[in-house]
N, C-alpha and C. Protein backbone atom coordinates (compact mmCIF):
# COMPACT_ATOMS: atom_id res chain seq x y z
N MET A 1 6.70 69.11 7.06
CA MET A 1 5.82 68.50 6.08
C MET A 1 5.87 66.98 6.25
N GLY A 2 4.71 66.32 6.13
CA GLY A 2 4.64 64.87 6.30
C GLY A 2 5.27 64.13 5.12
N GLU A 3 5.39 62.83 5.30
CA GLU A 3 5.98 61.98 4.26
C GLU A 3 4.90 61.48 3.31
N ASP A 4 5.30 61.16 2.08
CA ASP A 4 4.37 60.56 1.13
C ASP A 4 4.16 59.09 1.50
N VAL A 5 2.92 58.64 1.35
CA VAL A 5 2.55 57.27 1.63
C VAL A 5 1.93 56.69 0.36
N LYS A 6 2.31 55.46 0.02
CA LYS A 6 1.73 54.79 -1.15
C LYS A 6 1.18 53.44 -0.73
N LEU A 7 0.01 53.13 -1.23
CA LEU A 7 -0.60 51.82 -1.06
C LEU A 7 -0.77 51.24 -2.45
N SER A 8 -0.21 50.07 -2.66
CA SER A 8 -0.28 49.42 -3.96
C SER A 8 -0.93 48.05 -3.80
N VAL A 9 -1.96 47.80 -4.61
CA VAL A 9 -2.65 46.51 -4.62
C VAL A 9 -2.59 45.96 -6.03
N THR A 10 -2.07 44.74 -6.16
CA THR A 10 -1.92 44.11 -7.47
C THR A 10 -2.53 42.72 -7.43
N ASP A 11 -3.25 42.36 -8.47
CA ASP A 11 -3.73 40.98 -8.57
C ASP A 11 -3.05 40.32 -9.76
N ASN A 12 -3.26 39.02 -9.91
CA ASN A 12 -2.65 38.30 -11.03
C ASN A 12 -3.73 37.72 -11.94
N GLY A 13 -4.82 38.45 -12.07
CA GLY A 13 -5.95 38.00 -12.89
C GLY A 13 -5.73 38.24 -14.37
N ARG A 14 -6.82 38.45 -15.07
CA ARG A 14 -6.80 38.61 -16.53
C ARG A 14 -6.37 39.99 -16.98
N GLY A 15 -6.37 40.95 -16.08
CA GLY A 15 -5.98 42.31 -16.46
C GLY A 15 -7.15 43.09 -17.03
N LEU A 16 -6.83 44.20 -17.63
CA LEU A 16 -7.85 45.08 -18.20
C LEU A 16 -8.06 44.75 -19.67
N ALA A 17 -9.30 44.78 -20.09
CA ALA A 17 -9.60 44.55 -21.50
C ALA A 17 -9.09 45.73 -22.31
N PRO A 18 -8.59 45.49 -23.52
CA PRO A 18 -8.12 46.59 -24.36
C PRO A 18 -9.23 47.61 -24.60
N GLY A 19 -8.93 48.87 -24.43
CA GLY A 19 -9.88 49.94 -24.68
C GLY A 19 -10.91 50.15 -23.58
N VAL A 20 -10.76 49.48 -22.45
CA VAL A 20 -11.73 49.64 -21.36
C VAL A 20 -11.65 51.07 -20.82
N GLU A 21 -12.81 51.65 -20.53
CA GLU A 21 -12.89 53.01 -20.01
C GLU A 21 -12.94 52.93 -18.49
N LEU A 22 -11.85 53.34 -17.83
CA LEU A 22 -11.74 53.21 -16.38
C LEU A 22 -12.60 54.22 -15.62
N ALA A 23 -13.08 55.25 -16.25
CA ALA A 23 -13.84 56.28 -15.55
C ALA A 23 -15.33 55.96 -15.46
N GLN A 24 -15.77 54.84 -16.02
CA GLN A 24 -17.21 54.55 -16.05
C GLN A 24 -17.76 54.09 -14.71
N GLY A 25 -17.04 53.27 -13.98
CA GLY A 25 -17.57 52.69 -12.75
C GLY A 25 -17.59 53.67 -11.58
N MET A 26 -18.61 53.57 -10.75
CA MET A 26 -18.71 54.44 -9.58
C MET A 26 -17.61 54.15 -8.57
N GLY A 27 -17.22 52.88 -8.43
CA GLY A 27 -16.19 52.52 -7.46
C GLY A 27 -14.88 53.27 -7.70
N LEU A 28 -14.46 53.34 -8.95
CA LEU A 28 -13.22 54.04 -9.28
C LEU A 28 -13.37 55.54 -9.09
N LYS A 29 -14.52 56.08 -9.43
CA LYS A 29 -14.76 57.51 -9.22
C LYS A 29 -14.70 57.85 -7.74
N ILE A 30 -15.28 57.00 -6.90
CA ILE A 30 -15.28 57.23 -5.46
C ILE A 30 -13.86 57.13 -4.90
N MET A 31 -13.09 56.14 -5.38
CA MET A 31 -11.69 56.02 -4.93
C MET A 31 -10.90 57.27 -5.27
N ARG A 32 -11.06 57.76 -6.49
CA ARG A 32 -10.34 58.98 -6.89
C ARG A 32 -10.80 60.19 -6.09
N TYR A 33 -12.10 60.29 -5.84
CA TYR A 33 -12.64 61.40 -5.05
C TYR A 33 -12.07 61.39 -3.64
N ARG A 34 -12.07 60.24 -3.00
CA ARG A 34 -11.57 60.14 -1.63
C ARG A 34 -10.08 60.46 -1.56
N ALA A 35 -9.32 59.99 -2.53
CA ALA A 35 -7.89 60.31 -2.54
C ALA A 35 -7.69 61.81 -2.73
N HIS A 36 -8.47 62.42 -3.59
CA HIS A 36 -8.36 63.86 -3.86
C HIS A 36 -8.66 64.68 -2.61
N ILE A 37 -9.63 64.23 -1.80
CA ILE A 37 -10.01 64.94 -0.58
C ILE A 37 -8.80 65.13 0.34
N VAL A 38 -7.91 64.15 0.38
CA VAL A 38 -6.73 64.25 1.26
C VAL A 38 -5.47 64.62 0.48
N GLY A 39 -5.67 65.18 -0.72
CA GLY A 39 -4.53 65.63 -1.52
C GLY A 39 -3.77 64.51 -2.19
N GLY A 40 -4.44 63.38 -2.41
CA GLY A 40 -3.78 62.22 -3.00
C GLY A 40 -4.19 61.97 -4.43
N ASP A 41 -3.76 60.81 -4.93
CA ASP A 41 -4.01 60.45 -6.31
C ASP A 41 -4.16 58.93 -6.41
N VAL A 42 -4.91 58.47 -7.39
CA VAL A 42 -5.09 57.04 -7.66
C VAL A 42 -4.67 56.78 -9.10
N THR A 43 -3.84 55.77 -9.29
CA THR A 43 -3.49 55.34 -10.65
C THR A 43 -3.86 53.87 -10.79
N ILE A 44 -4.35 53.51 -11.97
CA ILE A 44 -4.77 52.14 -12.25
C ILE A 44 -4.14 51.73 -13.57
N GLY A 45 -3.53 50.56 -13.57
CA GLY A 45 -2.89 50.10 -14.79
C GLY A 45 -2.59 48.62 -14.73
N PRO A 46 -1.86 48.13 -15.72
CA PRO A 46 -1.55 46.70 -15.74
C PRO A 46 -0.61 46.32 -14.59
N GLY A 47 -0.84 45.14 -14.03
CA GLY A 47 0.04 44.60 -13.00
C GLY A 47 1.21 43.87 -13.63
N GLY A 48 2.14 43.45 -12.82
CA GLY A 48 3.34 42.80 -13.32
C GLY A 48 3.12 41.43 -13.92
N GLU A 49 2.08 40.71 -13.50
CA GLU A 49 1.87 39.34 -13.96
C GLU A 49 0.55 39.21 -14.73
N GLY A 50 0.16 40.25 -15.45
CA GLY A 50 -1.04 40.20 -16.26
C GLY A 50 -2.30 40.69 -15.58
N GLY A 51 -2.24 41.01 -14.31
CA GLY A 51 -3.42 41.49 -13.60
C GLY A 51 -3.53 43.00 -13.67
N VAL A 52 -4.06 43.57 -12.61
CA VAL A 52 -4.27 45.01 -12.51
C VAL A 52 -3.58 45.51 -11.24
N GLN A 53 -3.02 46.71 -11.33
CA GLN A 53 -2.40 47.34 -10.17
C GLN A 53 -3.10 48.67 -9.90
N VAL A 54 -3.48 48.87 -8.63
CA VAL A 54 -4.08 50.12 -8.18
C VAL A 54 -3.12 50.72 -7.16
N VAL A 55 -2.71 51.97 -7.38
CA VAL A 55 -1.79 52.65 -6.47
C VAL A 55 -2.45 53.93 -5.99
N VAL A 56 -2.51 54.07 -4.66
CA VAL A 56 -3.03 55.28 -4.04
C VAL A 56 -1.87 55.95 -3.32
N SER A 57 -1.66 57.22 -3.58
CA SER A 57 -0.58 57.95 -2.91
C SER A 57 -1.13 59.23 -2.31
N CYS A 58 -0.62 59.58 -1.14
CA CYS A 58 -1.00 60.81 -0.48
C CYS A 58 0.06 61.16 0.55
N ARG A 59 -0.05 62.36 1.11
CA ARG A 59 0.89 62.79 2.13
C ARG A 59 0.34 62.43 3.49
N GLN A 60 1.17 61.81 4.31
CA GLN A 60 0.77 61.46 5.67
C GLN A 60 0.72 62.73 6.50
N PRO A 61 -0.37 62.95 7.23
CA PRO A 61 -0.45 64.16 8.06
C PRO A 61 0.60 64.16 9.17
N LEU A 62 1.04 65.33 9.53
CA LEU A 62 1.91 65.48 10.70
C LEU A 62 1.07 65.33 11.96
N PRO A 63 1.68 64.99 13.09
CA PRO A 63 0.91 64.91 14.33
C PRO A 63 0.17 66.23 14.59
N GLY A 64 -1.12 66.15 14.88
CA GLY A 64 -1.93 67.33 15.14
C GLY A 64 -2.47 68.01 13.90
N GLU A 65 -2.11 67.55 12.72
CA GLU A 65 -2.59 68.13 11.45
C GLU A 65 -3.80 67.34 10.98
N SER A 66 -4.84 68.02 10.57
CA SER A 66 -6.04 67.33 10.09
C SER A 66 -5.86 66.95 8.61
N THR A 67 -6.65 65.97 8.17
CA THR A 67 -6.60 65.58 6.77
C THR A 67 -7.07 66.71 5.88
N ALA A 68 -7.93 67.61 6.38
CA ALA A 68 -8.38 68.76 5.60
C ALA A 68 -7.20 69.67 5.29
N GLU A 69 -6.28 69.81 6.24
CA GLU A 69 -5.10 70.65 6.00
C GLU A 69 -4.15 69.99 5.00
N VAL A 70 -4.07 68.66 5.01
CA VAL A 70 -3.19 67.94 4.10
C VAL A 70 -3.67 68.10 2.66
N GLY A 71 -4.99 68.07 2.44
CA GLY A 71 -5.55 68.13 1.10
C GLY A 71 -5.45 69.49 0.43
N LYS A 72 -5.03 70.51 1.16
CA LYS A 72 -4.95 71.87 0.58
C LYS A 72 -3.74 72.03 -0.28
């Protein structure tokens, strides 16, 4: 079985407005969809310095394994 891989992107901007609905934008829906295709997940929340942090995690395929097999 392959190893888990995480990509974390954090900014130091203003952060998320209180009560903001993260599921409204198409960009976030597409990110979640693409992560799901390969058996991954996307989490979005406050960053360490007041910004926003986006973390994508999924399993790295083994040599010769397709991403379709990983997402199962």
